[in-house]
Amino acid sequence: MVANDILNEDVSDFATRLEAMTSDEVFAAMSALEGHSEDDASDRDDTFSRITLVEEEIERRFPGQMLTPYRDWKKQQPLMS
């Protein structure tokens, strides 16, 4: 999943699509957005608003666990070179 694709999508469409994603897809979206947020990008506000949407979706799926499932998923991912 590419952050630019997410950022070009209408926010309400992205929020609706998040609900239908698998957990792996939600985590991949979060990872892409996090990586993009670390870049020197002019769309930082849009990036952070979408990160918030993904965080809310993770909390809805894993109540009370905060972002632990996402962090665990990240640890299992192979390092990209």
N, C-alpha and C. Protein backbone atom coordinates (compact mmCIF):
# COMPACT_ATOMS: atom_id res chain seq x y z
N MET A 1 0.86 -1.18 0.00
CA MET A 1 0.00 0.00 0.00
C MET A 1 0.90 1.24 0.00
N VAL A 2 0.54 2.19 -0.82
CA VAL A 2 1.35 3.39 -0.99
C VAL A 2 0.64 4.58 -0.34
N ALA A 3 1.38 5.33 0.46
CA ALA A 3 0.80 6.47 1.18
C ALA A 3 0.19 7.49 0.24
N ASN A 4 0.82 7.74 -0.89
CA ASN A 4 0.30 8.73 -1.82
C ASN A 4 -1.08 8.34 -2.34
N ASP A 5 -1.31 7.05 -2.55
CA ASP A 5 -2.63 6.59 -2.98
C ASP A 5 -3.68 6.88 -1.90
N ILE A 6 -3.30 6.64 -0.66
CA ILE A 6 -4.21 6.91 0.46
C ILE A 6 -4.49 8.40 0.56
N LEU A 7 -3.45 9.21 0.41
CA LEU A 7 -3.60 10.66 0.56
C LEU A 7 -4.39 11.28 -0.59
N ASN A 8 -4.39 10.66 -1.75
CA ASN A 8 -5.15 11.18 -2.89
C ASN A 8 -6.62 10.78 -2.84
N GLU A 9 -6.93 9.82 -1.98
CA GLU A 9 -8.30 9.33 -1.84
C GLU A 9 -9.09 10.28 -0.91
N ASP A 10 -10.35 10.47 -1.22
CA ASP A 10 -11.22 11.27 -0.36
C ASP A 10 -11.23 10.67 1.05
N VAL A 11 -11.18 11.52 2.06
CA VAL A 11 -11.10 11.05 3.45
C VAL A 11 -12.28 10.14 3.80
N SER A 12 -13.48 10.53 3.41
CA SER A 12 -14.65 9.70 3.75
C SER A 12 -14.60 8.36 3.03
N ASP A 13 -14.10 8.34 1.79
CA ASP A 13 -13.96 7.07 1.07
C ASP A 13 -12.92 6.18 1.76
N PHE A 14 -11.83 6.78 2.19
CA PHE A 14 -10.79 6.03 2.89
C PHE A 14 -11.34 5.46 4.20
N ALA A 15 -12.09 6.26 4.95
CA ALA A 15 -12.66 5.80 6.22
C ALA A 15 -13.60 4.62 5.99
N THR A 16 -14.40 4.69 4.94
CA THR A 16 -15.32 3.59 4.61
C THR A 16 -14.55 2.35 4.20
N ARG A 17 -13.52 2.55 3.40
CA ARG A 17 -12.72 1.42 2.93
C ARG A 17 -11.96 0.75 4.07
N LEU A 18 -11.54 1.54 5.06
CA LEU A 18 -10.84 0.97 6.22
C LEU A 18 -11.67 -0.11 6.91
N GLU A 19 -12.96 0.15 7.02
CA GLU A 19 -13.85 -0.80 7.70
C GLU A 19 -13.86 -2.17 7.02
N ALA A 20 -13.66 -2.19 5.71
CA ALA A 20 -13.72 -3.43 4.96
C ALA A 20 -12.36 -4.13 4.83
N MET A 21 -11.30 -3.45 5.22
CA MET A 21 -9.95 -4.02 5.10
C MET A 21 -9.71 -5.12 6.11
N THR A 22 -8.82 -6.04 5.75
CA THR A 22 -8.37 -7.02 6.73
C THR A 22 -7.44 -6.30 7.71
N SER A 23 -7.16 -6.94 8.81
CA SER A 23 -6.24 -6.34 9.79
C SER A 23 -4.88 -6.10 9.17
N ASP A 24 -4.39 -7.04 8.36
CA ASP A 24 -3.10 -6.85 7.70
C ASP A 24 -3.12 -5.63 6.79
N GLU A 25 -4.21 -5.41 6.08
CA GLU A 25 -4.32 -4.24 5.21
C GLU A 25 -4.35 -2.95 6.02
N VAL A 26 -5.05 -2.96 7.14
CA VAL A 26 -5.10 -1.79 8.02
C VAL A 26 -3.70 -1.49 8.55
N PHE A 27 -2.99 -2.52 8.98
CA PHE A 27 -1.64 -2.34 9.50
C PHE A 27 -0.69 -1.85 8.40
N ALA A 28 -0.85 -2.36 7.18
CA ALA A 28 -0.01 -1.92 6.06
C ALA A 28 -0.28 -0.45 5.74
N ALA A 29 -1.54 -0.04 5.83
CA ALA A 29 -1.89 1.37 5.60
C ALA A 29 -1.22 2.24 6.66
N MET A 30 -1.27 1.80 7.91
CA MET A 30 -0.65 2.55 9.00
C MET A 30 0.85 2.66 8.77
N SER A 31 1.48 1.58 8.38
CA SER A 31 2.92 1.58 8.15
C SER A 31 3.29 2.53 7.02
N ALA A 32 2.51 2.51 5.94
CA ALA A 32 2.78 3.40 4.80
C ALA A 32 2.63 4.86 5.22
N LEU A 33 1.58 5.15 5.97
CA LEU A 33 1.35 6.53 6.41
C LEU A 33 2.42 6.99 7.39
N GLU A 34 2.83 6.11 8.29
CA GLU A 34 3.90 6.45 9.23
C GLU A 34 5.19 6.78 8.48
N GLY A 35 5.53 5.95 7.52
CA GLY A 35 6.73 6.20 6.74
C GLY A 35 6.66 7.52 6.01
N HIS A 36 5.50 7.80 5.45
CA HIS A 36 5.31 9.06 4.72
C HIS A 36 5.40 10.26 5.66
N SER A 37 4.90 10.11 6.88
CA SER A 37 4.92 11.22 7.83
C SER A 37 6.34 11.60 8.23
N GLU A 38 7.26 10.67 8.08
CA GLU A 38 8.65 10.93 8.43
C GLU A 38 9.40 11.65 7.30
N ASP A 39 8.79 11.66 6.12
CA ASP A 39 9.38 12.39 4.99
C ASP A 39 9.12 13.88 5.16
N ASP A 40 9.87 14.67 4.46
CA ASP A 40 9.66 16.11 4.48
C ASP A 40 8.58 16.42 3.44
N ALA A 41 7.33 16.20 3.84
CA ALA A 41 6.22 16.33 2.90
C ALA A 41 5.34 17.53 3.26
N SER A 42 4.78 18.13 2.24
CA SER A 42 3.91 19.29 2.46
C SER A 42 2.50 18.88 2.88
N ASP A 43 2.20 17.61 2.80
CA ASP A 43 0.85 17.12 3.13
C ASP A 43 0.80 16.47 4.51
N ARG A 44 1.60 16.98 5.41
CA ARG A 44 1.71 16.38 6.74
C ARG A 44 0.37 16.36 7.50
N ASP A 45 -0.41 17.44 7.40
CA ASP A 45 -1.71 17.48 8.10
C ASP A 45 -2.65 16.39 7.58
N ASP A 46 -2.69 16.22 6.26
CA ASP A 46 -3.52 15.16 5.67
C ASP A 46 -3.04 13.79 6.12
N THR A 47 -1.73 13.63 6.17
CA THR A 47 -1.16 12.35 6.60
C THR A 47 -1.56 12.04 8.04
N PHE A 48 -1.42 13.02 8.93
CA PHE A 48 -1.76 12.79 10.33
C PHE A 48 -3.25 12.55 10.53
N SER A 49 -4.08 13.20 9.73
CA SER A 49 -5.53 12.96 9.88
C SER A 49 -5.88 11.54 9.47
N ARG A 50 -5.21 11.01 8.47
CA ARG A 50 -5.46 9.63 8.06
C ARG A 50 -4.86 8.63 9.04
N ILE A 51 -3.72 8.98 9.63
CA ILE A 51 -3.15 8.13 10.68
C ILE A 51 -4.14 8.02 11.83
N THR A 52 -4.77 9.13 12.18
CA THR A 52 -5.77 9.11 13.25
C THR A 52 -6.93 8.19 12.90
N LEU A 53 -7.39 8.22 11.66
CA LEU A 53 -8.47 7.32 11.23
C LEU A 53 -8.05 5.86 11.38
N VAL A 54 -6.82 5.55 10.99
CA VAL A 54 -6.34 4.18 11.10
C VAL A 54 -6.22 3.77 12.56
N GLU A 55 -5.70 4.66 13.40
CA GLU A 55 -5.60 4.37 14.84
C GLU A 55 -6.98 4.07 15.42
N GLU A 56 -7.97 4.85 15.03
CA GLU A 56 -9.33 4.62 15.52
C GLU A 56 -9.87 3.28 15.05
N GLU A 57 -9.55 2.89 13.83
CA GLU A 57 -10.00 1.59 13.32
C GLU A 57 -9.32 0.45 14.08
N ILE A 58 -8.04 0.60 14.38
CA ILE A 58 -7.32 -0.42 15.15
C ILE A 58 -7.94 -0.53 16.54
N GLU A 59 -8.23 0.60 17.17
CA GLU A 59 -8.84 0.59 18.51
C GLU A 59 -10.23 -0.06 18.47
N ARG A 60 -10.97 0.19 17.39
CA ARG A 60 -12.31 -0.42 17.26
C ARG A 60 -12.20 -1.95 17.16
N ARG A 61 -11.20 -2.41 16.43
CA ARG A 61 -11.03 -3.85 16.24
C ARG A 61 -10.41 -4.54 17.45
N PHE A 62 -9.57 -3.82 18.15
CA PHE A 62 -8.84 -4.39 19.29
C PHE A 62 -9.03 -3.49 20.50
N PRO A 63 -10.24 -3.48 21.06
CA PRO A 63 -10.55 -2.55 22.15
C PRO A 63 -9.59 -2.71 23.34
N GLY A 64 -9.15 -1.57 23.85
CA GLY A 64 -8.32 -1.56 25.04
C GLY A 64 -6.87 -1.96 24.82
N GLN A 65 -6.51 -2.32 23.58
CA GLN A 65 -5.15 -2.77 23.33
C GLN A 65 -4.27 -1.68 22.72
N MET A 66 -4.88 -0.50 22.54
CA MET A 66 -4.16 0.63 21.95
C MET A 66 -3.57 0.19 20.62
N LEU A 67 -2.31 0.38 20.39
CA LEU A 67 -1.70 -0.01 19.12
C LEU A 67 -0.83 -1.26 19.24
N THR A 68 -0.99 -2.01 20.31
CA THR A 68 -0.18 -3.21 20.52
C THR A 68 -0.29 -4.19 19.35
N PRO A 69 -1.48 -4.48 18.83
CA PRO A 69 -1.54 -5.42 17.69
C PRO A 69 -0.75 -4.92 16.48
N TYR A 70 -0.78 -3.62 16.24
CA TYR A 70 -0.01 -3.05 15.13
C TYR A 70 1.49 -3.18 15.39
N ARG A 71 1.92 -2.86 16.59
CA ARG A 71 3.35 -2.97 16.93
C ARG A 71 3.84 -4.41 16.79
N ASP A 72 3.00 -5.36 17.24
CA ASP A 72 3.35 -6.77 17.11
C ASP A 72 3.47 -7.16 15.64
N TRP A 73 2.52 -6.68 14.83
CA TRP A 73 2.55 -6.96 13.40
C TRP A 73 3.83 -6.41 12.77
N LYS A 74 4.19 -5.18 13.16
CA LYS A 74 5.40 -4.55 12.61
C LYS A 74 6.65 -5.37 12.92
N LYS A 75 6.72 -5.92 14.12
CA LYS A 75 7.89 -6.71 14.52
C LYS A 75 8.03 -7.97 13.66
N GLN A 76 6.91 -8.47 13.15
CA GLN A 76 6.93 -9.70 12.36
C GLN A 76 7.25 -9.46 10.89
N GLN A 77 7.26 -8.21 10.47
CA GLN A 77 7.50 -7.87 9.07
C GLN A 77 8.98 -7.94 8.74
N PRO A 78 9.32 -8.48 7.57
CA PRO A 78 10.73 -8.49 7.19
C PRO A 78 11.21 -7.06 6.96
N LEU A 79 12.45 -6.83 7.28
CA LEU A 79 13.04 -5.51 7.08
C LEU A 79 13.18 -5.23 5.59
N MET A 80 12.79 -4.03 5.21
CA MET A 80 12.91 -3.65 3.81
C MET A 80 14.26 -3.00 3.60
N SER A 81 14.93 -3.34 2.54
CA SER A 81 16.24 -2.72 2.29
C SER A 81 16.17 -1.73 1.16
